[in-house]
Amino acid sequence: MAPRIAVVGSANTDLITFSDAFPRAGETIFGQNFDLGFGGKGANQAIAARLCGAEVLMVARVGSDLFGEATIKNFASFGVDTTHVRVVQGTSTGVAPIFVEPNGQNRIIVVKGANDRLTPAEVDAAAAQLRGVDTIILQFEIPLETIYHTVRFARAHNIRCIVNPAPALPGDLAQLAAADYFIPNETEAELISGHPVHTVEEAGSCARALLRK
């Protein structure tokens, strides 16, 4: 039987422009290429899990725009359950304009849009389906109160819970103690704990510091 996974998280549209240089203030330049892609850490996790063979439920918010429509269609094309991907009227879908130079240097501006409107009430609205999953996955591109609420929901219903604290944000780690797995990378671990992570020994010290929080 395929594992059943729910992702409570973000969905963005990436707007990628490739150019020889970045424009200066007040300057207009021509770019060489443009690409549009689907992103957001939550959406990426959902589609990756689906490609690995899991049954996936996505709980997210998108805007009342073409990007929102396209995001829902993209999820559906991969077989992700979009029952609880809701449209927020009058709000844009999350977007990430990305500007890339030939050397790979890039600049990114993330506009959270509808991701910031994913509330604990949305999690409660999906409760009937969430109670049937094996694992719930979270990241930090949605409001912290929704993350904390979902962690408590998972613990109350004995559902495995994975928290990926990306991007790293200040918050009350004690409210994440009920999660089964907390999986920062080394940069996120440093930012959250205040401890350097350059060696295996430092990683151990950092992990212990996180547990104390």
N, C-alpha and C. Protein backbone atom coordinates (compact mmCIF):
# COMPACT_ATOMS: atom_id res chain seq x y z
N MET A 1 0.84 -1.20 0.00
CA MET A 1 0.00 0.00 0.00
C MET A 1 0.87 1.25 0.00
N ALA A 2 0.56 2.21 -0.85
CA ALA A 2 1.36 3.43 -0.94
C ALA A 2 1.23 4.25 0.34
N PRO A 3 2.33 4.86 0.79
CA PRO A 3 2.23 5.75 1.95
C PRO A 3 1.32 6.93 1.65
N ARG A 4 0.65 7.41 2.68
CA ARG A 4 -0.26 8.54 2.53
C ARG A 4 0.35 9.75 3.23
N ILE A 5 0.61 10.78 2.46
CA ILE A 5 1.32 11.96 2.96
C ILE A 5 0.49 13.21 2.71
N ALA A 6 0.46 14.08 3.70
CA ALA A 6 -0.15 15.40 3.54
C ALA A 6 0.93 16.46 3.69
N VAL A 7 0.90 17.43 2.82
CA VAL A 7 1.79 18.59 2.93
C VAL A 7 0.93 19.81 3.23
N VAL A 8 1.21 20.45 4.35
CA VAL A 8 0.54 21.70 4.69
C VAL A 8 1.58 22.79 4.44
N GLY A 9 1.40 23.55 3.36
CA GLY A 9 2.48 24.47 3.04
C GLY A 9 2.24 25.38 1.86
N SER A 10 3.35 25.86 1.33
CA SER A 10 3.35 26.95 0.36
C SER A 10 3.29 26.46 -1.07
N ALA A 11 2.76 27.33 -1.93
CA ALA A 11 2.76 27.11 -3.37
C ALA A 11 3.06 28.46 -4.03
N ASN A 12 4.13 28.50 -4.80
CA ASN A 12 4.54 29.74 -5.47
C ASN A 12 4.65 29.53 -6.97
N THR A 13 4.70 30.63 -7.69
CA THR A 13 5.07 30.61 -9.10
C THR A 13 6.41 31.33 -9.23
N ASP A 14 7.39 30.65 -9.84
CA ASP A 14 8.72 31.23 -10.05
C ASP A 14 8.76 31.94 -11.40
N LEU A 15 9.18 33.19 -11.40
CA LEU A 15 9.30 34.00 -12.61
C LEU A 15 10.79 34.27 -12.83
N ILE A 16 11.40 33.54 -13.75
CA ILE A 16 12.86 33.50 -13.85
C ILE A 16 13.33 34.26 -15.10
N THR A 17 14.11 35.30 -14.90
CA THR A 17 14.66 36.10 -15.99
C THR A 17 16.17 35.93 -16.04
N PHE A 18 16.69 35.63 -17.23
CA PHE A 18 18.13 35.47 -17.44
C PHE A 18 18.65 36.69 -18.22
N SER A 19 19.70 37.33 -17.70
CA SER A 19 20.24 38.52 -18.36
C SER A 19 21.75 38.57 -18.16
N ASP A 20 22.43 39.39 -18.97
CA ASP A 20 23.88 39.51 -18.87
C ASP A 20 24.31 40.28 -17.63
N ALA A 21 23.42 41.12 -17.11
CA ALA A 21 23.75 41.92 -15.93
C ALA A 21 22.45 42.34 -15.26
N PHE A 22 22.56 42.81 -14.04
CA PHE A 22 21.40 43.36 -13.35
C PHE A 22 21.28 44.85 -13.69
N PRO A 23 20.07 45.35 -13.91
CA PRO A 23 19.93 46.78 -14.20
C PRO A 23 20.25 47.64 -12.98
N ARG A 24 20.77 48.81 -13.26
CA ARG A 24 20.99 49.78 -12.18
C ARG A 24 19.68 50.50 -11.89
N ALA A 25 19.64 51.25 -10.82
CA ALA A 25 18.43 52.00 -10.48
C ALA A 25 18.03 52.91 -11.63
N GLY A 26 16.79 52.82 -12.07
CA GLY A 26 16.29 53.65 -13.15
C GLY A 26 16.63 53.16 -14.54
N GLU A 27 17.35 52.04 -14.65
CA GLU A 27 17.79 51.54 -15.96
C GLU A 27 16.90 50.41 -16.45
N THR A 28 16.66 50.38 -17.75
CA THR A 28 15.94 49.27 -18.39
C THR A 28 16.91 48.54 -19.31
N ILE A 29 16.98 47.22 -19.19
CA ILE A 29 17.85 46.43 -20.05
C ILE A 29 17.04 45.29 -20.67
N PHE A 30 17.62 44.65 -21.68
CA PHE A 30 16.99 43.49 -22.30
C PHE A 30 17.54 42.22 -21.66
N GLY A 31 16.66 41.27 -21.42
CA GLY A 31 17.08 39.97 -20.94
C GLY A 31 17.24 39.00 -22.10
N GLN A 32 17.88 37.85 -21.84
CA GLN A 32 18.12 36.85 -22.88
C GLN A 32 17.06 35.75 -22.91
N ASN A 33 16.48 35.47 -21.75
CA ASN A 33 15.53 34.36 -21.70
C ASN A 33 14.63 34.52 -20.48
N PHE A 34 13.49 33.85 -20.54
CA PHE A 34 12.53 33.88 -19.43
C PHE A 34 11.93 32.50 -19.27
N ASP A 35 11.72 32.11 -18.02
CA ASP A 35 11.09 30.83 -17.75
C ASP A 35 10.09 31.01 -16.61
N LEU A 36 9.05 30.24 -16.64
CA LEU A 36 8.03 30.25 -15.59
C LEU A 36 7.94 28.84 -15.03
N GLY A 37 8.02 28.73 -13.72
CA GLY A 37 7.97 27.41 -13.11
C GLY A 37 7.11 27.42 -11.86
N PHE A 38 6.82 26.23 -11.38
CA PHE A 38 6.02 26.07 -10.16
C PHE A 38 6.96 25.75 -9.01
N GLY A 39 6.81 26.49 -7.92
CA GLY A 39 7.69 26.29 -6.79
C GLY A 39 6.96 26.47 -5.48
N GLY A 40 7.73 26.88 -4.48
CA GLY A 40 7.23 26.88 -3.11
C GLY A 40 7.69 25.60 -2.46
N LYS A 41 8.26 25.69 -1.28
CA LYS A 41 8.82 24.50 -0.64
C LYS A 41 7.75 23.44 -0.38
N GLY A 42 6.55 23.87 -0.02
CA GLY A 42 5.49 22.90 0.20
C GLY A 42 5.11 22.18 -1.08
N ALA A 43 4.91 22.93 -2.15
CA ALA A 43 4.55 22.33 -3.43
C ALA A 43 5.63 21.38 -3.91
N ASN A 44 6.89 21.78 -3.76
CA ASN A 44 7.99 20.91 -4.18
C ASN A 44 7.99 19.60 -3.40
N GLN A 45 7.73 19.67 -2.10
CA GLN A 45 7.67 18.46 -1.28
C GLN A 45 6.53 17.56 -1.72
N ALA A 46 5.38 18.16 -2.01
CA ALA A 46 4.21 17.37 -2.40
C ALA A 46 4.46 16.62 -3.70
N ILE A 47 5.01 17.31 -4.69
CA ILE A 47 5.24 16.67 -5.98
C ILE A 47 6.36 15.65 -5.88
N ALA A 48 7.40 15.93 -5.10
CA ALA A 48 8.47 14.95 -4.91
C ALA A 48 7.93 13.68 -4.27
N ALA A 49 7.08 13.82 -3.26
CA ALA A 49 6.49 12.65 -2.60
C ALA A 49 5.62 11.87 -3.58
N ARG A 50 4.88 12.59 -4.41
CA ARG A 50 4.03 11.92 -5.40
C ARG A 50 4.87 11.15 -6.41
N LEU A 51 5.98 11.74 -6.86
CA LEU A 51 6.86 11.07 -7.81
C LEU A 51 7.51 9.83 -7.21
N CYS A 52 7.61 9.81 -5.88
CA CYS A 52 8.16 8.63 -5.20
C CYS A 52 7.09 7.57 -4.95
N GLY A 53 5.86 7.83 -5.37
CA GLY A 53 4.81 6.82 -5.29
C GLY A 53 3.83 6.98 -4.17
N ALA A 54 3.94 8.05 -3.39
CA ALA A 54 3.00 8.26 -2.28
C ALA A 54 1.68 8.83 -2.78
N GLU A 55 0.63 8.58 -2.00
CA GLU A 55 -0.62 9.31 -2.19
C GLU A 55 -0.48 10.63 -1.42
N VAL A 56 -0.74 11.74 -2.09
CA VAL A 56 -0.41 13.04 -1.50
C VAL A 56 -1.62 13.97 -1.47
N LEU A 57 -1.86 14.53 -0.30
CA LEU A 57 -2.87 15.57 -0.10
C LEU A 57 -2.15 16.89 0.13
N MET A 58 -2.51 17.92 -0.62
CA MET A 58 -1.92 19.24 -0.43
C MET A 58 -2.93 20.16 0.24
N VAL A 59 -2.50 20.82 1.31
CA VAL A 59 -3.31 21.84 1.98
C VAL A 59 -2.59 23.16 1.78
N ALA A 60 -3.19 24.05 0.99
CA ALA A 60 -2.51 25.29 0.62
C ALA A 60 -3.52 26.35 0.22
N ARG A 61 -3.02 27.55 0.02
CA ARG A 61 -3.82 28.67 -0.47
C ARG A 61 -3.15 29.27 -1.69
N VAL A 62 -3.95 29.58 -2.70
CA VAL A 62 -3.45 30.28 -3.88
C VAL A 62 -4.34 31.50 -4.13
N GLY A 63 -3.87 32.39 -4.98
CA GLY A 63 -4.61 33.61 -5.25
C GLY A 63 -5.63 33.44 -6.36
N SER A 64 -6.47 34.46 -6.49
CA SER A 64 -7.51 34.44 -7.53
C SER A 64 -6.94 35.04 -8.81
N ASP A 65 -5.95 34.35 -9.37
CA ASP A 65 -5.28 34.83 -10.57
C ASP A 65 -4.88 33.64 -11.45
N LEU A 66 -4.29 33.93 -12.60
CA LEU A 66 -3.90 32.87 -13.52
C LEU A 66 -2.86 31.95 -12.91
N PHE A 67 -1.98 32.49 -12.06
CA PHE A 67 -0.98 31.65 -11.42
C PHE A 67 -1.63 30.64 -10.48
N GLY A 68 -2.68 31.06 -9.79
CA GLY A 68 -3.39 30.14 -8.91
C GLY A 68 -4.05 29.01 -9.68
N GLU A 69 -4.71 29.36 -10.78
CA GLU A 69 -5.34 28.34 -11.63
C GLU A 69 -4.30 27.36 -12.15
N ALA A 70 -3.18 27.89 -12.62
CA ALA A 70 -2.13 27.04 -13.18
C ALA A 70 -1.51 26.15 -12.11
N THR A 71 -1.38 26.67 -10.89
CA THR A 71 -0.81 25.88 -9.80
C THR A 71 -1.69 24.67 -9.49
N ILE A 72 -2.99 24.89 -9.41
CA ILE A 72 -3.91 23.78 -9.13
C ILE A 72 -3.86 22.75 -10.25
N LYS A 73 -3.82 23.20 -11.50
CA LYS A 73 -3.73 22.27 -12.63
C LYS A 73 -2.42 21.49 -12.60
N ASN A 74 -1.35 22.16 -12.20
CA ASN A 74 -0.06 21.47 -12.12
C ASN A 74 -0.09 20.37 -11.06
N PHE A 75 -0.64 20.67 -9.89
CA PHE A 75 -0.79 19.63 -8.87
C PHE A 75 -1.59 18.45 -9.42
N ALA A 76 -2.72 18.75 -10.05
CA ALA A 76 -3.59 17.70 -10.56
C ALA A 76 -2.89 16.85 -11.61
N SER A 77 -2.02 17.47 -12.42
CA SER A 77 -1.32 16.72 -13.46
C SER A 77 -0.39 15.67 -12.89
N PHE A 78 0.07 15.89 -11.65
CA PHE A 78 0.93 14.92 -10.98
C PHE A 78 0.13 13.94 -10.12
N GLY A 79 -1.17 14.16 -10.01
CA GLY A 79 -1.99 13.28 -9.19
C GLY A 79 -2.04 13.66 -7.73
N VAL A 80 -1.69 14.91 -7.40
CA VAL A 80 -1.79 15.40 -6.03
C VAL A 80 -3.24 15.80 -5.76
N ASP A 81 -3.77 15.39 -4.62
CA ASP A 81 -5.14 15.73 -4.23
C ASP A 81 -5.21 17.22 -3.88
N THR A 82 -6.02 17.96 -4.63
CA THR A 82 -6.11 19.41 -4.44
C THR A 82 -7.42 19.84 -3.77
N THR A 83 -8.09 18.89 -3.12
CA THR A 83 -9.36 19.21 -2.47
C THR A 83 -9.23 20.42 -1.54
N HIS A 84 -8.08 20.52 -0.88
CA HIS A 84 -7.89 21.60 0.10
C HIS A 84 -6.84 22.61 -0.35
N VAL A 85 -6.70 22.77 -1.66
CA VAL A 85 -5.95 23.91 -2.20
C VAL A 85 -7.00 24.96 -2.54
N ARG A 86 -7.15 25.94 -1.67
CA ARG A 86 -8.25 26.90 -1.77
C ARG A 86 -7.79 28.21 -2.39
N VAL A 87 -8.70 28.86 -3.10
CA VAL A 87 -8.44 30.16 -3.73
C VAL A 87 -8.85 31.28 -2.79
N VAL A 88 -7.96 32.25 -2.58
CA VAL A 88 -8.25 33.43 -1.77
C VAL A 88 -8.60 34.57 -2.72
N GLN A 89 -9.83 35.02 -2.68
CA GLN A 89 -10.26 36.09 -3.57
C GLN A 89 -9.55 37.41 -3.21
N GLY A 90 -9.15 38.14 -4.25
CA GLY A 90 -8.54 39.44 -4.03
C GLY A 90 -7.10 39.40 -3.56
N THR A 91 -6.49 38.23 -3.61
CA THR A 91 -5.09 38.07 -3.18
C THR A 91 -4.31 37.37 -4.28
N SER A 92 -3.05 37.72 -4.43
CA SER A 92 -2.22 37.08 -5.45
C SER A 92 -1.69 35.74 -4.96
N THR A 93 -1.43 34.86 -5.89
CA THR A 93 -0.67 33.65 -5.58
C THR A 93 0.74 34.06 -5.19
N GLY A 94 1.39 33.29 -4.32
CA GLY A 94 2.77 33.58 -3.98
C GLY A 94 3.65 33.53 -5.22
N VAL A 95 4.53 34.50 -5.36
CA VAL A 95 5.43 34.53 -6.51
C VAL A 95 6.87 34.76 -6.05
N ALA A 96 7.80 34.31 -6.91
CA ALA A 96 9.21 34.52 -6.65
C ALA A 96 9.89 34.97 -7.94
N PRO A 97 9.94 36.29 -8.19
CA PRO A 97 10.73 36.77 -9.33
C PRO A 97 12.22 36.50 -9.07
N ILE A 98 12.87 35.83 -10.02
CA ILE A 98 14.27 35.42 -9.87
C ILE A 98 15.06 35.99 -11.05
N PHE A 99 16.13 36.70 -10.75
CA PHE A 99 16.96 37.32 -11.79
C PHE A 99 18.32 36.64 -11.78
N VAL A 100 18.72 36.07 -12.93
CA VAL A 100 19.92 35.23 -12.99
C VAL A 100 20.92 35.80 -14.00
N GLU A 101 22.18 35.97 -13.58
CA GLU A 101 23.26 36.39 -14.46
C GLU A 101 23.96 35.16 -15.04
N PRO A 102 24.77 35.33 -16.10
CA PRO A 102 25.45 34.18 -16.72
C PRO A 102 26.32 33.38 -15.77
N ASN A 103 26.90 34.02 -14.75
CA ASN A 103 27.74 33.29 -13.80
C ASN A 103 26.94 32.55 -12.74
N GLY A 104 25.61 32.60 -12.85
CA GLY A 104 24.76 31.90 -11.90
C GLY A 104 24.34 32.74 -10.72
N GLN A 105 24.95 33.92 -10.56
CA GLN A 105 24.55 34.82 -9.48
C GLN A 105 23.08 35.19 -9.66
N ASN A 106 22.32 35.14 -8.58
CA ASN A 106 20.89 35.45 -8.72
C ASN A 106 20.41 36.33 -7.58
N ARG A 107 19.29 36.97 -7.83
CA ARG A 107 18.59 37.76 -6.81
C ARG A 107 17.13 37.35 -6.84
N ILE A 108 16.57 37.15 -5.68
CA ILE A 108 15.21 36.63 -5.58
C ILE A 108 14.40 37.51 -4.64
N ILE A 109 13.20 37.84 -5.06
CA ILE A 109 12.25 38.54 -4.19
C ILE A 109 11.02 37.65 -4.06
N VAL A 110 10.74 37.19 -2.86
CA VAL A 110 9.58 36.33 -2.65
C VAL A 110 8.42 37.16 -2.11
N VAL A 111 7.29 37.09 -2.78
CA VAL A 111 6.06 37.73 -2.31
C VAL A 111 5.14 36.60 -1.86
N LYS A 112 4.86 36.52 -0.58
CA LYS A 112 4.16 35.35 -0.04
C LYS A 112 2.72 35.25 -0.49
N GLY A 113 2.07 36.38 -0.72
CA GLY A 113 0.71 36.36 -1.24
C GLY A 113 -0.22 35.49 -0.42
N ALA A 114 -0.94 34.61 -1.11
CA ALA A 114 -1.95 33.77 -0.46
C ALA A 114 -1.36 32.80 0.56
N ASN A 115 -0.06 32.50 0.47
CA ASN A 115 0.56 31.62 1.46
C ASN A 115 0.39 32.16 2.88
N ASP A 116 0.38 33.48 2.99
CA ASP A 116 0.22 34.10 4.31
C ASP A 116 -1.20 34.00 4.83
N ARG A 117 -2.10 33.51 4.00
CA ARG A 117 -3.51 33.38 4.40
C ARG A 117 -3.88 31.94 4.72
N LEU A 118 -2.88 31.07 4.82
CA LEU A 118 -3.15 29.68 5.21
C LEU A 118 -3.23 29.63 6.73
N THR A 119 -4.43 29.52 7.25
CA THR A 119 -4.67 29.66 8.69
C THR A 119 -4.94 28.31 9.35
N PRO A 120 -4.92 28.26 10.68
CA PRO A 120 -5.31 27.04 11.37
C PRO A 120 -6.70 26.55 10.97
N ALA A 121 -7.59 27.47 10.63
CA ALA A 121 -8.94 27.07 10.21
C ALA A 121 -8.91 26.20 8.95
N GLU A 122 -7.93 26.46 8.07
CA GLU A 122 -7.81 25.63 6.86
C GLU A 122 -7.39 24.21 7.22
N VAL A 123 -6.54 24.10 8.22
CA VAL A 123 -6.12 22.77 8.69
C VAL A 123 -7.32 22.05 9.29
N ASP A 124 -8.10 22.74 10.08
CA ASP A 124 -9.29 22.13 10.68
C ASP A 124 -10.28 21.71 9.61
N ALA A 125 -10.40 22.50 8.54
CA ALA A 125 -11.33 22.16 7.46
C ALA A 125 -10.91 20.88 6.74
N ALA A 126 -9.61 20.59 6.77
CA ALA A 126 -9.09 19.38 6.12
C ALA A 126 -8.94 18.22 7.08
N ALA A 127 -9.42 18.38 8.31
CA ALA A 127 -9.15 17.40 9.37
C ALA A 127 -9.58 15.98 9.01
N ALA A 128 -10.74 15.84 8.38
CA ALA A 128 -11.23 14.49 8.07
C ALA A 128 -10.25 13.74 7.19
N GLN A 129 -9.68 14.42 6.19
CA GLN A 129 -8.70 13.76 5.33
C GLN A 129 -7.34 13.64 6.01
N LEU A 130 -6.96 14.64 6.77
CA LEU A 130 -5.67 14.60 7.44
C LEU A 130 -5.58 13.44 8.43
N ARG A 131 -6.68 13.12 9.07
CA ARG A 131 -6.66 12.01 10.04
C ARG A 131 -6.35 10.68 9.37
N GLY A 132 -6.49 10.61 8.05
CA GLY A 132 -6.25 9.36 7.34
C GLY A 132 -4.86 9.21 6.77
N VAL A 133 -3.96 10.18 7.00
CA VAL A 133 -2.63 10.09 6.41
C VAL A 133 -1.64 9.49 7.41
N ASP A 134 -0.50 9.05 6.88
CA ASP A 134 0.56 8.49 7.72
C ASP A 134 1.52 9.57 8.21
N THR A 135 1.71 10.60 7.37
CA THR A 135 2.73 11.62 7.65
C THR A 135 2.23 12.99 7.21
N ILE A 136 2.51 14.00 8.03
CA ILE A 136 2.26 15.39 7.66
C ILE A 136 3.61 16.11 7.59
N ILE A 137 3.82 16.85 6.48
CA ILE A 137 5.07 17.59 6.28
C ILE A 137 4.78 19.09 6.29
N LEU A 138 5.64 19.82 6.98
CA LEU A 138 5.50 21.28 7.10
C LEU A 138 6.82 21.97 6.76
N GLN A 139 6.74 23.24 6.35
CA GLN A 139 7.91 24.10 6.18
C GLN A 139 7.56 25.48 6.72
N PHE A 140 8.50 26.41 6.60
CA PHE A 140 8.33 27.72 7.23
C PHE A 140 7.91 28.82 6.26
N GLU A 141 7.25 28.50 5.17
CA GLU A 141 6.79 29.53 4.24
C GLU A 141 5.31 29.87 4.45
N ILE A 142 4.75 29.41 5.56
CA ILE A 142 3.37 29.72 5.93
C ILE A 142 3.40 30.28 7.35
N PRO A 143 2.30 30.87 7.84
CA PRO A 143 2.32 31.47 9.18
C PRO A 143 2.70 30.48 10.27
N LEU A 144 3.50 30.95 11.23
CA LEU A 144 3.95 30.08 12.31
C LEU A 144 2.79 29.53 13.12
N GLU A 145 1.73 30.32 13.31
CA GLU A 145 0.60 29.82 14.10
C GLU A 145 -0.04 28.60 13.42
N THR A 146 -0.01 28.56 12.09
CA THR A 146 -0.55 27.41 11.37
C THR A 146 0.36 26.20 11.52
N ILE A 147 1.65 26.45 11.52
CA ILE A 147 2.61 25.36 11.73
C ILE A 147 2.42 24.76 13.12
N TYR A 148 2.38 25.61 14.15
CA TYR A 148 2.20 25.12 15.52
C TYR A 148 0.89 24.33 15.65
N HIS A 149 -0.16 24.85 15.07
CA HIS A 149 -1.48 24.20 15.15
C HIS A 149 -1.43 22.83 14.49
N THR A 150 -0.76 22.74 13.36
CA THR A 150 -0.69 21.46 12.64
C THR A 150 0.14 20.44 13.39
N VAL A 151 1.21 20.89 14.02
CA VAL A 151 2.03 19.98 14.84
C VAL A 151 1.18 19.41 15.98
N ARG A 152 0.41 20.26 16.63
CA ARG A 152 -0.45 19.78 17.73
C ARG A 152 -1.50 18.80 17.19
N PHE A 153 -2.06 19.11 16.02
CA PHE A 153 -3.06 18.22 15.41
C PHE A 153 -2.44 16.85 15.14
N ALA A 154 -1.25 16.84 14.58
CA ALA A 154 -0.59 15.57 14.26
C ALA A 154 -0.35 14.75 15.52
N ARG A 155 0.13 15.40 16.58
CA ARG A 155 0.39 14.67 17.82
C ARG A 155 -0.91 14.13 18.41
N ALA A 156 -1.96 14.93 18.38
CA ALA A 156 -3.24 14.50 18.96
C ALA A 156 -3.82 13.30 18.24
N HIS A 157 -3.49 13.14 16.95
CA HIS A 157 -4.05 12.04 16.17
C HIS A 157 -3.00 10.98 15.82
N ASN A 158 -1.86 11.04 16.51
CA ASN A 158 -0.81 10.03 16.36
C ASN A 158 -0.36 9.90 14.91
N ILE A 159 -0.15 11.05 14.27
CA ILE A 159 0.32 11.10 12.88
C ILE A 159 1.77 11.57 12.89
N ARG A 160 2.63 10.86 12.17
CA ARG A 160 4.02 11.28 12.07
C ARG A 160 4.08 12.69 11.49
N CYS A 161 4.94 13.54 12.08
CA CYS A 161 5.03 14.95 11.66
C CYS A 161 6.48 15.32 11.40
N ILE A 162 6.74 15.87 10.22
CA ILE A 162 8.08 16.30 9.83
C ILE A 162 8.06 17.81 9.61
N VAL A 163 8.95 18.52 10.29
CA VAL A 163 9.05 19.97 10.13
C VAL A 163 10.39 20.32 9.49
N ASN A 164 10.32 20.95 8.33
CA ASN A 164 11.51 21.43 7.63
C ASN A 164 11.55 22.95 7.82
N PRO A 165 12.43 23.47 8.70
CA PRO A 165 12.40 24.89 9.04
C PRO A 165 13.09 25.77 8.00
N ALA A 166 12.52 25.78 6.81
CA ALA A 166 13.10 26.55 5.72
C ALA A 166 12.02 27.45 5.11
N PRO A 167 12.33 28.74 4.98
CA PRO A 167 13.55 29.41 5.43
C PRO A 167 13.57 29.55 6.95
N ALA A 168 14.77 29.61 7.51
CA ALA A 168 14.90 29.71 8.97
C ALA A 168 14.31 31.02 9.46
N LEU A 169 13.46 30.94 10.47
CA LEU A 169 12.81 32.11 11.05
C LEU A 169 12.88 32.02 12.57
N PRO A 170 12.90 33.15 13.26
CA PRO A 170 12.80 33.09 14.72
C PRO A 170 11.41 32.63 15.11
N GLY A 171 11.34 31.79 16.10
CA GLY A 171 10.04 31.29 16.55
C GLY A 171 10.19 30.55 17.85
N ASP A 172 9.08 30.03 18.35
CA ASP A 172 9.05 29.31 19.62
C ASP A 172 9.24 27.83 19.33
N LEU A 173 10.49 27.36 19.44
CA LEU A 173 10.77 25.96 19.12
C LEU A 173 10.06 25.01 20.07
N ALA A 174 9.74 25.48 21.27
CA ALA A 174 9.04 24.61 22.22
C ALA A 174 7.72 24.12 21.63
N GLN A 175 7.10 24.95 20.79
CA GLN A 175 5.82 24.56 20.20
C GLN A 175 5.99 23.52 19.09
N LEU A 176 7.24 23.27 18.70
CA LEU A 176 7.51 22.25 17.69
C LEU A 176 8.01 20.95 18.31
N ALA A 177 8.09 20.92 19.63
CA ALA A 177 8.64 19.75 20.30
C ALA A 177 7.83 18.49 20.04
N ALA A 178 6.56 18.64 19.71
CA ALA A 178 5.71 17.48 19.46
C ALA A 178 5.94 16.87 18.08
N ALA A 179 6.70 17.56 17.22
CA ALA A 179 7.00 17.00 15.90
C ALA A 179 7.93 15.80 16.05
N ASP A 180 7.81 14.84 15.16
CA ASP A 180 8.67 13.66 15.22
C ASP A 180 10.05 13.93 14.64
N TYR A 181 10.10 14.75 13.60
CA TYR A 181 11.37 15.05 12.94
C TYR A 181 11.46 16.55 12.68
N PHE A 182 12.61 17.12 13.04
CA PHE A 182 12.91 18.53 12.78
C PHE A 182 14.19 18.52 11.96
N ILE A 183 14.12 18.94 10.68
CA ILE A 183 15.19 18.63 9.74
C ILE A 183 15.81 19.89 9.10
N PRO A 184 16.46 20.74 9.88
CA PRO A 184 17.16 21.88 9.28
C PRO A 184 18.42 21.43 8.55
N ASN A 185 18.82 22.17 7.53
CA ASN A 185 20.15 21.95 6.99
C ASN A 185 21.14 22.72 7.86
N GLU A 186 22.44 22.69 7.50
CA GLU A 186 23.43 23.28 8.40
C GLU A 186 23.25 24.79 8.56
N THR A 187 22.89 25.47 7.48
CA THR A 187 22.70 26.92 7.57
C THR A 187 21.51 27.27 8.45
N GLU A 188 20.41 26.56 8.25
CA GLU A 188 19.21 26.79 9.06
C GLU A 188 19.47 26.46 10.52
N ALA A 189 20.20 25.37 10.75
CA ALA A 189 20.52 24.99 12.13
C ALA A 189 21.34 26.07 12.83
N GLU A 190 22.30 26.64 12.11
CA GLU A 190 23.11 27.72 12.68
C GLU A 190 22.26 28.94 13.02
N LEU A 191 21.40 29.33 12.10
CA LEU A 191 20.58 30.53 12.31
C LEU A 191 19.61 30.36 13.47
N ILE A 192 19.04 29.17 13.59
CA ILE A 192 18.04 28.93 14.64
C ILE A 192 18.68 28.75 16.01
N SER A 193 19.82 28.04 16.03
CA SER A 193 20.44 27.71 17.31
C SER A 193 21.46 28.74 17.78
N GLY A 194 22.05 29.47 16.82
CA GLY A 194 23.13 30.38 17.17
C GLY A 194 24.47 29.68 17.33
N HIS A 195 24.54 28.41 16.96
CA HIS A 195 25.77 27.63 17.06
C HIS A 195 26.32 27.33 15.67
N PRO A 196 27.64 27.41 15.47
CA PRO A 196 28.22 27.09 14.16
C PRO A 196 28.09 25.60 13.85
N VAL A 197 28.02 25.29 12.56
CA VAL A 197 27.94 23.88 12.13
C VAL A 197 28.92 23.70 10.97
N HIS A 198 30.18 23.39 11.32
CA HIS A 198 31.19 23.17 10.29
C HIS A 198 31.79 21.77 10.38
N THR A 199 31.60 21.10 11.49
CA THR A 199 32.14 19.76 11.69
C THR A 199 31.06 18.86 12.27
N VAL A 200 31.34 17.56 12.29
CA VAL A 200 30.40 16.61 12.87
C VAL A 200 30.19 16.92 14.35
N GLU A 201 31.28 17.27 15.03
CA GLU A 201 31.18 17.58 16.46
C GLU A 201 30.31 18.82 16.69
N GLU A 202 30.50 19.83 15.86
CA GLU A 202 29.68 21.04 15.99
C GLU A 202 28.22 20.75 15.67
N ALA A 203 27.99 19.85 14.71
CA ALA A 203 26.61 19.47 14.40
C ALA A 203 25.94 18.84 15.61
N GLY A 204 26.70 18.01 16.33
CA GLY A 204 26.16 17.39 17.54
C GLY A 204 25.83 18.42 18.60
N SER A 205 26.74 19.38 18.79
CA SER A 205 26.50 20.45 19.77
C SER A 205 25.29 21.28 19.38
N CYS A 206 25.17 21.55 18.09
CA CYS A 206 24.03 22.33 17.60
C CYS A 206 22.73 21.58 17.84
N ALA A 207 22.73 20.28 17.56
CA ALA A 207 21.52 19.48 17.77
C ALA A 207 21.10 19.50 19.23
N ARG A 208 22.07 19.39 20.12
CA ARG A 208 21.75 19.42 21.56
C ARG A 208 21.20 20.79 21.95
N ALA A 209 21.75 21.86 21.37
CA ALA A 209 21.24 23.20 21.66
C ALA A 209 19.80 23.35 21.18
N LEU A 210 19.50 22.80 20.02
CA LEU A 210 18.13 22.86 19.51
C LEU A 210 17.18 22.10 20.42
N LEU A 211 17.62 20.96 20.92
CA LEU A 211 16.76 20.17 21.81
C LEU A 211 16.48 20.92 23.11
N ARG A 212 17.46 21.70 23.57
CA ARG A 212 17.26 22.47 24.80
C ARG A 212 16.25 23.60 24.59
N LYS A 213 16.11 24.07 23.35
CA LYS A 213 15.16 25.15 23.08
C LYS A 213 13.73 24.65 23.15
